[in-house]
Amino acid sequence: MIRSMTGFGRSEYEKDGRHYGIEIKSVNHKYQDISIRSPKFFNRFEDGMRKKIAECIVRGKIDVFVNFENYSNEGSSIHFNVGLAKEYIKELEELARETGIPYEISMMDIAKMPEIFNLKEEGDESIIANELMTALAEALQNFVTMRETEGQKLMEDLQKRIVLIEKYVSEIETYAGTLVEEYRQKLEIRVKELMKSQVVDENRLAQEIVIFSDKSSIEEELTRLKSHISQFHHFLAESSPIGKKFDFLIQEMNREVNTIGSKANCLEITKRVIELKTEIENIREQVQNIE
């Protein structure tokens, strides 16, 4: 199934007072670019998170936001900075003696002083890691599902456009088959007008027709273009990632259409070439969204 490179997924997971919130969003990017924003304590888990994300996503700029609220004893502890508290007390006693201000201080006063308490993240990392990965797996599933939904819409649009391209190519083939005969008739009339005679050198006329046929022949380009269209249908049936394949194929299709436009000396073919280039450009824009 085709996947879009744009998507969004989120999850909420709670266990024993620990709450995890994860959001994943992505936009178009030529390669895989994963950015994770999480609490400092989760830095040690980032490699595992990146690996899990990379297993599901091949291309795109992916931003991952992790929120963590811990109301349990697991994963964090409070440490009282005894040394710093003693320094505060010592300096306050010295200030009281020098200024004559009565010295009165309680434990609550000390607890309010800066840097006295430190919240340290510690405990059994495996518990936190497993719970985090559970939350991440759910967010990824929701994210991939949205990408696939968007990819289905892209595929439906591409199918409509490739049908139009096939129609224009078929019409060009029809007109191309009559080009040489039309040129022969026009050339014969023109020669008669210039020579003021009803007698035309058939050998010379045949040479000119052969030269014109060689210059204006678009059979090879049409054959390659139809082959590219067949490959396009094949890609539509494949699973992601196929964005780069589509991008290359569209370049080749555009090259053949440009050549047809430059070689075909026919207004009707030129009109179809313009339509082809328009549809190919629309497909190119859509292809940029495919993983």
Protein backbone atom coordinates (compact mmCIF):
# COMPACT_ATOMS: atom_id res chain seq x y z
CA MET A 1 0.00 0.00 0.00
CA ILE A 2 1.20 3.49 -0.85
CA ARG A 3 1.93 5.70 2.15
CA SER A 4 1.97 9.47 2.35
CA MET A 5 4.98 11.14 3.96
CA THR A 6 2.71 13.44 5.95
CA GLY A 7 0.97 12.05 9.00
CA PHE A 8 0.17 12.36 12.68
CA GLY A 9 -0.23 9.87 15.50
CA ARG A 10 -0.50 10.07 19.27
CA SER A 11 -0.93 7.81 22.27
CA GLU A 12 -1.57 8.04 26.01
CA TYR A 13 -0.35 5.32 28.34
CA GLU A 14 -0.54 5.13 32.14
CA LYS A 15 0.81 2.54 34.57
CA ASP A 16 1.10 2.70 38.36
CA GLY A 17 1.04 6.49 38.49
CA ARG A 18 3.35 6.98 35.50
CA HIS A 19 1.76 8.76 32.53
CA TYR A 20 3.27 8.79 29.04
CA GLY A 21 2.07 11.01 26.21
CA ILE A 22 3.64 10.64 22.75
CA GLU A 23 2.93 12.57 19.56
CA ILE A 24 4.47 11.82 16.15
CA LYS A 25 4.13 14.03 13.10
CA SER A 26 5.94 14.12 9.77
CA VAL A 27 6.30 16.18 6.61
CA ASN A 28 7.97 15.56 3.26
CA HIS A 29 11.71 14.97 3.19
CA LYS A 30 14.07 13.38 0.69
CA TYR A 31 15.55 11.11 3.34
CA GLN A 32 14.73 9.87 6.83
CA ASP A 33 15.18 12.57 9.49
CA ILE A 34 14.06 11.72 13.04
CA SER A 35 13.96 14.35 15.79
CA ILE A 36 12.98 13.39 19.36
CA ARG A 37 12.05 15.89 22.07
CA SER A 38 11.72 14.27 25.48
CA PRO A 39 12.58 14.82 29.17
CA LYS A 40 16.29 14.68 29.91
CA PHE A 41 15.87 11.40 31.77
CA PHE A 42 14.70 9.76 28.52
CA ASN A 43 17.90 10.58 26.60
CA ARG A 44 19.20 7.10 27.42
CA PHE A 45 16.21 5.58 25.60
CA GLU A 46 16.51 7.59 22.38
CA ASP A 47 18.58 5.04 20.46
CA GLY A 48 15.96 2.38 21.07
CA MET A 49 13.18 4.78 20.10
CA ARG A 50 14.95 5.76 16.86
CA LYS A 51 15.45 2.13 15.93
CA LYS A 52 11.78 1.32 16.48
CA ILE A 53 10.67 4.36 14.47
CA ALA A 54 13.07 3.54 11.62
CA GLU A 55 11.55 0.06 11.36
CA CYS A 56 8.19 1.62 10.45
CA ILE A 57 9.17 4.76 8.55
CA VAL A 58 11.60 4.98 5.64
CA ARG A 59 11.32 8.59 4.48
CA GLY A 60 10.15 11.90 5.88
CA LYS A 61 11.03 14.48 8.50
CA ILE A 62 9.64 12.94 11.67
CA ASP A 63 9.19 14.90 14.90
CA VAL A 64 8.50 12.93 18.08
CA PHE A 65 7.31 14.64 21.28
CA VAL A 66 7.40 12.71 24.56
CA ASN A 67 5.68 13.92 27.74
CA PHE A 68 6.17 12.10 31.05
CA GLU A 69 4.47 12.64 34.40
CA ASN A 70 5.57 10.49 37.29
CA TYR A 71 3.43 10.21 40.41
CA SER A 72 5.03 6.99 41.60
CA ASN A 73 8.27 6.18 43.41
CA GLU A 74 9.64 4.34 40.41
CA GLY A 75 12.04 6.30 38.27
CA SER A 76 12.63 9.29 40.57
CA SER A 77 13.80 10.19 44.08
CA ILE A 78 14.29 13.34 46.15
CA HIS A 79 17.73 14.15 47.57
CA PHE A 80 18.36 16.69 50.34
CA ASN A 81 21.57 18.67 49.87
CA VAL A 82 22.87 18.47 53.46
CA GLY A 83 26.19 20.20 52.73
CA LEU A 84 24.51 23.18 51.10
CA ALA A 85 22.02 23.46 53.96
CA LYS A 86 24.89 23.64 56.49
CA GLU A 87 26.52 26.40 54.47
CA TYR A 88 23.28 28.38 54.48
CA ILE A 89 22.99 27.99 58.26
CA LYS A 90 26.63 28.92 58.81
CA GLU A 91 26.36 32.10 56.72
CA LEU A 92 23.07 33.12 58.35
CA GLU A 93 24.55 32.67 61.84
CA GLU A 94 27.54 34.81 60.85
CA LEU A 95 25.23 37.49 59.44
CA ALA A 96 23.14 37.49 62.63
CA ARG A 97 26.25 38.03 64.81
CA GLU A 98 27.56 40.84 62.65
CA THR A 99 24.28 42.72 62.38
CA GLY A 100 22.72 41.92 65.74
CA ILE A 101 19.62 40.58 64.05
CA PRO A 102 17.97 37.80 66.10
CA TYR A 103 18.80 34.41 64.68
CA GLU A 104 15.66 32.37 64.21
CA ILE A 105 15.48 29.68 61.53
CA SER A 106 13.38 26.51 61.13
CA MET A 107 13.61 23.44 58.91
CA MET A 108 10.84 24.86 56.72
CA ASP A 109 12.94 27.98 56.18
CA ILE A 110 15.86 25.83 55.10
CA ALA A 111 13.65 23.73 52.79
CA LYS A 112 12.67 26.88 50.87
CA MET A 113 16.26 27.82 50.10
CA PRO A 114 17.49 27.38 46.48
CA GLU A 115 18.99 24.04 45.42
CA ILE A 116 18.26 22.36 48.77
CA PHE A 117 16.16 19.61 47.18
CA ASN A 118 17.12 17.83 43.99
CA LEU A 119 14.80 15.54 42.05
CA LYS A 120 16.86 12.74 40.58
CA GLU A 121 15.61 10.33 37.96
CA GLU A 122 16.70 6.85 38.87
CA GLY A 123 15.32 3.43 39.67
CA ASP A 124 14.64 0.44 37.44
CA GLU A 125 15.22 1.75 33.92
CA SER A 126 13.85 -1.40 32.32
CA ILE A 127 10.37 -0.69 33.69
CA ILE A 128 10.36 2.86 32.30
CA ALA A 129 11.86 1.69 28.98
CA ASN A 130 9.25 -1.05 28.48
CA GLU A 131 6.38 1.28 29.27
CA LEU A 132 7.79 3.96 27.00
CA MET A 133 8.11 1.50 24.11
CA THR A 134 4.52 0.36 24.65
CA ALA A 135 3.33 3.96 24.34
CA LEU A 136 5.57 4.51 21.31
CA ALA A 137 4.24 1.40 19.56
CA GLU A 138 0.66 2.64 19.86
CA ALA A 139 1.59 6.12 18.61
CA LEU A 140 3.44 4.60 15.66
CA GLN A 141 0.48 2.40 14.76
CA ASN A 142 -1.85 5.40 14.72
CA PHE A 143 0.73 7.38 12.75
CA VAL A 144 1.21 4.67 10.10
CA THR A 145 -2.55 4.20 9.78
CA MET A 146 -2.98 7.89 8.97
CA ARG A 147 -0.12 7.73 6.46
CA GLU A 148 -1.78 4.79 4.74
CA THR A 149 -5.13 6.59 4.65
CA GLU A 150 -3.51 9.61 3.03
CA GLY A 151 -1.60 7.27 0.71
CA GLN A 152 -4.86 5.72 -0.48
CA LYS A 153 -6.14 9.16 -1.47
CA LEU A 154 -2.89 9.85 -3.33
CA MET A 155 -3.18 6.54 -5.19
CA GLU A 156 -6.74 7.27 -6.28
CA ASP A 157 -5.65 10.65 -7.64
CA LEU A 158 -2.66 9.14 -9.46
CA GLN A 159 -4.87 6.46 -11.03
CA LYS A 160 -7.20 9.11 -12.46
CA ARG A 161 -4.29 11.09 -13.89
CA ILE A 162 -2.54 8.11 -15.48
CA VAL A 163 -5.81 7.17 -17.22
CA LEU A 164 -5.90 10.67 -18.73
CA ILE A 165 -2.28 10.29 -19.82
CA GLU A 166 -3.10 6.99 -21.53
CA LYS A 167 -5.98 8.69 -23.34
CA TYR A 168 -3.75 11.49 -24.67
CA VAL A 169 -1.06 9.03 -25.74
CA SER A 170 -3.64 6.99 -27.66
CA GLU A 171 -4.86 10.13 -29.43
CA ILE A 172 -1.30 11.12 -30.32
CA GLU A 173 -0.74 7.67 -31.84
CA THR A 174 -3.79 8.17 -34.03
CA TYR A 175 -2.60 11.52 -35.34
CA ALA A 176 0.98 10.30 -35.75
CA GLY A 177 -0.20 7.58 -38.13
CA THR A 178 -1.51 10.17 -40.62
CA LEU A 179 1.39 12.64 -40.46
CA VAL A 180 3.45 11.26 -43.36
CA GLU A 181 0.51 11.00 -45.77
CA GLU A 182 -0.67 14.50 -44.92
CA TYR A 183 2.84 15.83 -45.45
CA ARG A 184 3.10 14.05 -48.82
CA GLN A 185 -0.13 15.61 -50.03
CA LYS A 186 0.82 19.10 -48.85
CA LEU A 187 4.31 18.79 -50.34
CA GLU A 188 2.97 17.64 -53.71
CA ILE A 189 0.53 20.55 -53.88
CA ARG A 190 3.25 23.01 -52.87
CA VAL A 191 5.67 21.71 -55.49
CA LYS A 192 3.06 21.99 -58.22
CA GLU A 193 2.33 25.57 -57.19
CA LEU A 194 5.99 26.53 -57.24
CA MET A 195 6.79 24.78 -60.54
CA LYS A 196 3.58 25.84 -62.28
CA SER A 197 3.30 22.30 -63.53
CA GLN A 198 1.21 19.22 -62.93
CA VAL A 199 4.26 17.01 -63.36
CA VAL A 200 6.10 16.20 -60.12
CA ASP A 201 9.39 14.35 -59.76
CA GLU A 202 8.20 11.33 -57.79
CA ASN A 203 11.74 10.28 -56.83
CA ARG A 204 12.52 13.69 -55.38
CA LEU A 205 9.16 13.74 -53.64
CA ALA A 206 9.80 10.32 -52.13
CA GLN A 207 13.18 11.46 -50.80
CA GLU A 208 11.62 14.46 -49.09
CA ILE A 209 8.92 12.28 -47.57
CA VAL A 210 11.52 9.83 -46.21
CA ILE A 211 13.51 12.70 -44.69
CA PHE A 212 10.37 14.12 -43.10
CA SER A 213 9.34 10.70 -41.83
CA ASP A 214 12.70 10.20 -40.13
CA LYS A 215 12.64 13.63 -38.51
CA SER A 216 9.04 13.48 -37.32
CA SER A 217 8.78 9.83 -36.33
CA ILE A 218 7.73 9.49 -32.69
CA GLU A 219 7.17 5.74 -32.67
CA GLU A 220 10.14 5.03 -30.39
CA GLU A 221 9.12 7.75 -27.95
CA LEU A 222 5.54 6.48 -27.85
CA THR A 223 6.74 2.92 -27.28
CA ARG A 224 8.93 4.00 -24.35
CA LEU A 225 6.18 6.23 -22.96
CA LYS A 226 3.69 3.35 -23.01
CA SER A 227 6.29 1.19 -21.27
CA HIS A 228 6.67 3.86 -18.58
CA ILE A 229 2.89 3.98 -18.15
CA SER A 230 2.83 0.21 -17.68
CA GLN A 231 5.57 0.53 -15.06
CA PHE A 232 3.56 3.28 -13.37
CA HIS A 233 0.60 0.90 -12.94
CA HIS A 234 3.00 -1.69 -11.54
CA PHE A 235 4.31 0.78 -8.96
CA LEU A 236 0.76 1.65 -7.89
CA ALA A 237 0.29 -2.00 -6.90
CA GLU A 238 3.51 -2.13 -4.84
CA SER A 239 3.94 -1.35 -1.16
CA SER A 240 5.88 1.61 0.19
CA PRO A 241 8.56 2.82 -0.08
CA ILE A 242 8.18 3.65 -3.78
CA GLY A 243 8.35 7.46 -3.79
CA LYS A 244 11.86 7.57 -5.25
CA LYS A 245 10.90 5.08 -7.98
CA PHE A 246 7.93 7.23 -8.96
CA ASP A 247 10.09 10.34 -9.00
CA PHE A 248 12.58 8.77 -11.41
CA LEU A 249 9.82 7.35 -13.62
CA ILE A 250 8.10 10.73 -13.93
CA GLN A 251 11.38 12.27 -15.09
CA GLU A 252 11.63 9.66 -17.85
CA MET A 253 8.01 10.19 -18.91
CA ASN A 254 8.53 13.93 -19.10
CA ARG A 255 11.65 13.44 -21.22
CA GLU A 256 9.75 11.35 -23.80
CA VAL A 257 6.86 13.84 -23.94
CA ASN A 258 9.28 16.72 -24.53
CA THR A 259 10.85 14.84 -27.42
CA ILE A 260 7.44 14.10 -28.94
CA GLY A 261 6.54 17.77 -28.71
CA SER A 262 9.73 18.85 -30.45
CA LYS A 263 9.46 16.28 -33.27
CA ALA A 264 5.78 16.18 -34.10
CA ASN A 265 4.81 18.77 -36.72
CA CYS A 266 1.10 18.67 -35.92
CA LEU A 267 -1.13 21.10 -34.05
CA GLU A 268 -3.36 18.35 -32.63
CA ILE A 269 -0.37 16.44 -31.28
CA THR A 270 1.01 19.66 -29.78
CA LYS A 271 -2.28 20.18 -27.95
CA ARG A 272 -2.08 16.67 -26.48
CA VAL A 273 1.56 17.19 -25.52
CA ILE A 274 0.56 20.27 -23.51
CA GLU A 275 -2.11 18.24 -21.73
CA LEU A 276 0.39 15.46 -21.07
CA LYS A 277 2.94 17.85 -19.58
CA THR A 278 0.25 19.34 -17.35
CA GLU A 279 -0.81 15.95 -16.00
CA ILE A 280 2.79 14.80 -15.55
CA GLU A 281 3.57 17.95 -13.57
CA ASN A 282 0.51 17.33 -11.38
CA ILE A 283 1.70 13.78 -10.79
CA ARG A 284 5.19 15.02 -9.97
CA GLU A 285 3.77 17.24 -7.23
CA GLN A 286 1.77 14.35 -5.78
CA VAL A 287 4.71 11.97 -5.96
CA GLN A 288 6.70 14.28 -3.68
CA ASN A 289 4.24 13.27 -0.91
CA ILE A 290 4.82 9.54 -1.28
CA GLU A 291 7.14 7.67 1.08
